[in-house]
Amino acid sequence: MQIVVQGLLTHYECQGSGKAILLLHGWADSLDTFKLLVAELSKSQKVISVDLPGFGQSQTPKSAWKLDNYSEFLKDFLDKLNILDIYCIIGHSNGGALAIRALVTEQITADKLVLIAASGVRNSDDLKRKALQAVTKTGKVMTFWLPVSSKQKLQKRLYGAIGSDMLIAPHMQETFRQIVRQDIQTDASSLAIPTLLIYGDQDKATPLKSIGQKLHTLIKYSRLEIIPNAAHFVHQTDSGQVNRLIAEFLK
């Protein structure tokens, strides 16, 4: 389905009925990342997933965006759909950082929050360096934080073919730089809703020790679940376990 939000043609999906669940994907990803989760959740809930501007099938903003811009977009998106009450927001990677920022700035509200391999802890110089290297190096590019589809596109780009959304979409590279400079630790400490954090213990993109455990400490009423031998896309590789944890949490 498509809708125009803030002048941008926006692709989204809405499945099932019941309490509203909003799904937010990570950087260079799309709503397709949640297919396995949507299949399960939509049996008893109303599940809304959206390609955030600049990714998937949604149009790219004409200027560089920060998390606040995306937060305002989410408010307008939900208003357009006439969805007033969100029961739970589920965010993966950058979608988790966005969820935290949108909640704290009161652009959207929710009763519960699920953070899957969420990012947003930016005070580490090493993390910033790695993130910026991913879009500035012309040789060996680190891609462990990208979905498979974007990895393949990025690899083609290096051989002179086509770039990923991150590199060929106007302004997305600057948007990336803006976002990786935004630290949401203060925001996280202001959250006061039940929060489930799910991290793989082999995640190199959003490491358990430097990000997962830190967010768990900062967020009141949070619970941290660690999936053994899982990496950044734990909701895909270990979907059964992740789905069970979320189903129990939503009850």
Protein backbone atom coordinates (compact mmCIF):
# COMPACT_ATOMS: atom_id res chain seq x y z
CA MET A 1 0.00 0.00 0.00
CA GLN A 2 1.08 3.57 -0.58
CA ILE A 3 0.31 6.91 1.01
CA VAL A 4 1.76 10.41 0.70
CA VAL A 5 3.27 11.71 3.94
CA GLN A 6 5.07 15.06 4.10
CA GLY A 7 5.07 15.07 0.30
CA LEU A 8 6.85 11.69 0.15
CA LEU A 9 5.29 8.63 -1.46
CA THR A 10 5.45 6.10 1.36
CA HIS A 11 5.14 2.34 1.13
CA TYR A 12 3.62 0.48 4.07
CA GLU A 13 1.73 -2.69 4.99
CA CYS A 14 -1.07 -3.22 7.48
CA GLN A 15 -2.09 -6.74 8.43
CA GLY A 16 -4.32 -8.39 11.02
CA SER A 17 -6.66 -6.85 13.57
CA GLY A 18 -6.52 -6.03 17.25
CA LYS A 19 -4.11 -3.84 19.18
CA ALA A 20 -1.79 -1.82 16.94
CA ILE A 21 1.87 -2.83 16.66
CA LEU A 22 4.28 -0.54 14.77
CA LEU A 23 7.42 -2.04 13.23
CA LEU A 24 10.49 0.09 12.40
CA HIS A 25 13.35 -1.35 10.33
CA GLY A 26 17.04 -0.44 10.48
CA TRP A 27 19.38 1.49 8.21
CA ALA A 28 19.40 0.50 4.51
CA ASP A 29 16.73 -2.11 5.25
CA SER A 30 13.00 -2.27 4.53
CA LEU A 31 9.77 -3.55 6.04
CA ASP A 32 10.52 -6.94 4.44
CA THR A 33 12.99 -7.59 7.26
CA PHE A 34 10.02 -8.33 9.54
CA LYS A 35 8.21 -10.89 7.34
CA LEU A 36 8.56 -13.77 9.81
CA LEU A 37 7.56 -11.59 12.75
CA VAL A 38 4.56 -10.10 10.92
CA ALA A 39 3.29 -13.55 9.99
CA GLU A 40 3.12 -14.44 13.67
CA LEU A 41 1.98 -11.14 15.18
CA SER A 42 -0.78 -10.50 12.65
CA LYS A 43 -2.63 -13.61 13.87
CA SER A 44 -3.81 -11.65 16.90
CA GLN A 45 -2.68 -8.02 16.43
CA LYS A 46 -2.93 -5.21 13.90
CA VAL A 47 0.60 -4.91 12.53
CA ILE A 48 1.76 -1.78 10.71
CA SER A 49 5.15 -1.83 9.00
CA VAL A 50 6.58 1.00 6.92
CA ASP A 51 9.49 1.62 4.57
CA LEU A 52 11.07 4.67 6.18
CA PRO A 53 11.84 7.56 3.77
CA GLY A 54 14.89 6.81 1.65
CA PHE A 55 14.57 3.04 1.94
CA GLY A 56 12.59 0.20 0.44
CA GLN A 57 9.87 1.56 -1.82
CA SER A 58 9.48 4.93 -0.08
CA GLN A 59 10.73 8.18 -1.57
CA THR A 60 13.93 9.84 -0.39
CA PRO A 61 13.74 13.16 1.50
CA LYS A 62 15.10 16.16 -0.38
CA SER A 63 17.40 17.11 2.50
CA ALA A 64 19.43 15.30 5.14
CA TRP A 65 17.30 14.01 8.02
CA LYS A 66 18.02 13.40 11.69
CA LEU A 67 16.12 11.12 14.06
CA ASP A 68 13.84 14.04 14.91
CA ASN A 69 12.79 14.36 11.26
CA TYR A 70 11.97 10.68 11.12
CA SER A 71 10.08 11.00 14.41
CA GLU A 72 7.93 13.79 12.99
CA PHE A 73 7.37 11.70 9.88
CA LEU A 74 6.07 8.81 12.01
CA LYS A 75 3.59 11.10 13.75
CA ASP A 76 2.24 12.36 10.43
CA PHE A 77 2.21 8.82 9.01
CA LEU A 78 0.08 7.49 11.87
CA ASP A 79 -2.19 10.55 11.72
CA LYS A 80 -2.77 9.89 8.02
CA LEU A 81 -3.78 6.32 8.81
CA ASN A 82 -5.96 7.56 11.67
CA ILE A 83 -4.16 5.27 14.12
CA LEU A 84 -4.40 6.97 17.49
CA ASP A 85 -3.27 4.25 19.88
CA ILE A 86 -0.10 2.17 19.49
CA TYR A 87 0.14 -0.74 21.87
CA CYS A 88 3.76 -1.60 21.10
CA ILE A 89 6.60 -0.34 18.92
CA ILE A 90 9.16 -2.86 17.69
CA GLY A 91 12.39 -1.41 16.32
CA HIS A 92 15.41 -3.16 14.85
CA SER A 93 18.84 -1.50 14.87
CA ASN A 94 18.40 2.16 13.86
CA GLY A 95 14.64 1.59 14.07
CA GLY A 96 15.15 1.04 17.78
CA ALA A 97 17.02 4.31 18.20
CA LEU A 98 14.27 6.04 16.24
CA ALA A 99 11.58 4.49 18.43
CA ILE A 100 13.29 5.76 21.58
CA ARG A 101 13.66 9.28 20.18
CA ALA A 102 10.08 9.41 18.88
CA LEU A 103 8.69 8.28 22.24
CA VAL A 104 10.76 10.67 24.34
CA THR A 105 9.90 13.66 22.13
CA GLU A 106 6.24 12.56 22.34
CA GLN A 107 5.80 12.46 18.60
CA ILE A 108 4.23 9.06 19.20
CA THR A 109 3.13 7.16 22.29
CA ALA A 110 2.99 3.46 23.06
CA ASP A 111 2.29 1.15 25.99
CA LYS A 112 5.27 -1.11 25.34
CA LEU A 113 8.56 -1.14 23.45
CA VAL A 114 10.66 -3.93 21.92
CA LEU A 115 14.24 -3.15 20.91
CA ILE A 116 15.91 -5.76 18.67
CA ALA A 117 19.65 -5.17 18.32
CA ALA A 118 18.92 -1.47 18.78
CA SER A 119 21.56 1.15 18.07
CA GLY A 120 21.81 4.70 19.41
CA VAL A 121 24.72 4.57 21.86
CA ARG A 122 27.08 6.87 20.00
CA ASN A 123 29.59 8.05 22.59
CA SER A 124 32.18 5.51 21.57
CA ASP A 125 34.78 6.95 19.22
CA ASP A 126 35.44 3.45 17.92
CA LEU A 127 31.77 2.92 17.03
CA LYS A 128 31.61 6.28 15.26
CA ARG A 129 34.78 5.52 13.36
CA LYS A 130 33.47 2.15 12.19
CA ALA A 131 30.12 3.60 11.14
CA LEU A 132 31.66 6.41 9.14
CA GLN A 133 34.17 4.04 7.54
CA ALA A 134 31.27 2.03 6.20
CA VAL A 135 30.22 4.89 3.91
CA THR A 136 33.56 6.52 3.17
CA LYS A 137 35.99 3.69 2.41
CA THR A 138 36.45 2.89 -1.25
CA GLY A 139 38.23 -0.39 -0.72
CA LYS A 140 37.11 -3.07 1.69
CA VAL A 141 33.75 -1.94 3.08
CA MET A 142 32.40 -3.23 6.38
CA THR A 143 28.89 -4.54 5.74
CA PHE A 144 28.03 -6.65 8.77
CA TRP A 145 25.33 -4.16 9.82
CA LEU A 146 23.55 -4.22 6.45
CA PRO A 147 20.73 -6.54 5.33
CA VAL A 148 21.71 -9.12 2.71
CA SER A 149 20.04 -7.24 -0.16
CA SER A 150 22.01 -4.07 0.59
CA LYS A 151 25.25 -6.00 1.00
CA GLN A 152 24.85 -7.38 -2.50
CA LYS A 153 24.09 -3.92 -3.94
CA LEU A 154 27.05 -2.39 -2.14
CA GLN A 155 29.38 -5.10 -3.40
CA LYS A 156 28.20 -4.40 -6.96
CA ARG A 157 28.85 -0.69 -6.41
CA LEU A 158 32.47 -1.42 -5.56
CA TYR A 159 32.85 -3.12 -8.93
CA GLY A 160 31.37 -0.16 -10.79
CA ALA A 161 27.80 -1.40 -11.14
CA ILE A 162 25.11 -0.05 -8.85
CA GLY A 163 25.07 1.39 -5.32
CA SER A 164 22.95 0.59 -2.31
CA ASP A 165 20.13 2.93 -1.31
CA MET A 166 22.54 4.46 1.18
CA LEU A 167 24.98 5.54 -1.50
CA ILE A 168 22.88 6.30 -4.59
CA ALA A 169 19.89 8.01 -2.94
CA PRO A 170 20.40 11.80 -2.77
CA HIS A 171 21.37 13.06 0.69
CA MET A 172 21.22 9.62 2.38
CA GLN A 173 24.95 9.57 3.00
CA GLU A 174 24.70 12.88 4.87
CA THR A 175 21.60 11.61 6.67
CA PHE A 176 23.66 8.62 7.82
CA ARG A 177 26.37 10.90 9.15
CA GLN A 178 23.78 13.00 10.99
CA ILE A 179 22.17 9.96 12.59
CA VAL A 180 25.35 8.23 13.75
CA ARG A 181 26.25 11.41 15.62
CA GLN A 182 22.98 11.33 17.60
CA ASP A 183 23.33 9.66 20.98
CA ILE A 184 20.04 8.53 22.58
CA GLN A 185 21.35 7.53 26.02
CA THR A 186 19.73 10.51 27.75
CA ASP A 187 16.49 9.72 25.92
CA ALA A 188 16.71 6.09 26.99
CA SER A 189 17.05 7.08 30.63
CA SER A 190 13.79 9.05 30.31
CA LEU A 191 11.72 6.11 29.09
CA ALA A 192 9.19 4.80 31.57
CA ILE A 193 7.34 2.06 29.71
CA PRO A 194 7.91 -1.73 29.82
CA THR A 195 10.73 -2.49 27.39
CA LEU A 196 12.07 -5.77 26.06
CA LEU A 197 15.61 -5.76 24.67
CA ILE A 198 16.74 -8.64 22.45
CA TYR A 199 20.38 -8.97 21.40
CA GLY A 200 22.53 -11.68 19.87
CA ASP A 201 25.74 -12.32 21.74
CA GLN A 202 27.68 -12.34 18.44
CA ASP A 203 26.32 -9.00 17.17
CA LYS A 204 29.20 -6.90 15.82
CA ALA A 205 27.04 -4.03 14.56
CA THR A 206 25.34 -3.26 17.88
CA PRO A 207 27.43 -5.17 20.41
CA LEU A 208 25.72 -6.58 23.47
CA LYS A 209 28.27 -5.23 25.95
CA SER A 210 28.68 -1.69 24.65
CA ILE A 211 25.08 -1.08 23.57
CA GLY A 212 22.60 -3.75 24.68
CA GLN A 213 23.64 -3.91 28.31
CA LYS A 214 24.06 -0.14 28.47
CA LEU A 215 20.51 0.48 27.20
CA HIS A 216 19.21 -2.12 29.63
CA THR A 217 20.84 -0.22 32.50
CA LEU A 218 19.45 3.10 31.30
CA ILE A 219 15.86 2.10 30.55
CA LYS A 220 13.57 1.70 33.52
CA TYR A 221 11.33 -1.38 33.53
CA SER A 222 13.48 -3.07 30.89
CA ARG A 223 14.29 -6.75 30.44
CA LEU A 224 17.28 -7.98 28.44
CA GLU A 225 17.14 -11.28 26.56
CA ILE A 226 20.34 -12.61 25.00
CA ILE A 227 20.24 -15.06 22.08
CA PRO A 228 23.34 -17.31 22.00
CA ASN A 229 25.36 -17.48 18.77
CA ALA A 230 23.13 -14.87 17.09
CA ALA A 231 24.28 -11.77 15.20
CA HIS A 232 22.65 -8.50 14.16
CA PHE A 233 19.66 -9.93 12.27
CA VAL A 234 18.59 -12.13 15.14
CA HIS A 235 14.90 -11.65 14.28
CA GLN A 236 15.55 -13.52 11.04
CA THR A 237 18.11 -16.13 12.03
CA ASP A 238 16.43 -17.01 15.32
CA SER A 239 12.86 -15.99 14.48
CA GLY A 240 11.20 -18.73 16.53
CA GLN A 241 12.89 -17.70 19.76
CA VAL A 242 12.46 -13.97 19.08
CA ASN A 243 8.78 -14.43 18.21
CA ARG A 244 8.18 -16.35 21.44
CA LEU A 245 9.88 -13.70 23.56
CA ILE A 246 7.82 -10.95 21.96
CA ALA A 247 4.55 -12.88 22.27
CA GLU A 248 5.17 -13.43 25.98
CA PHE A 249 6.08 -9.78 26.46
CA LEU A 250 2.95 -8.53 24.72
CA LYS A 251 0.74 -10.58 27.01
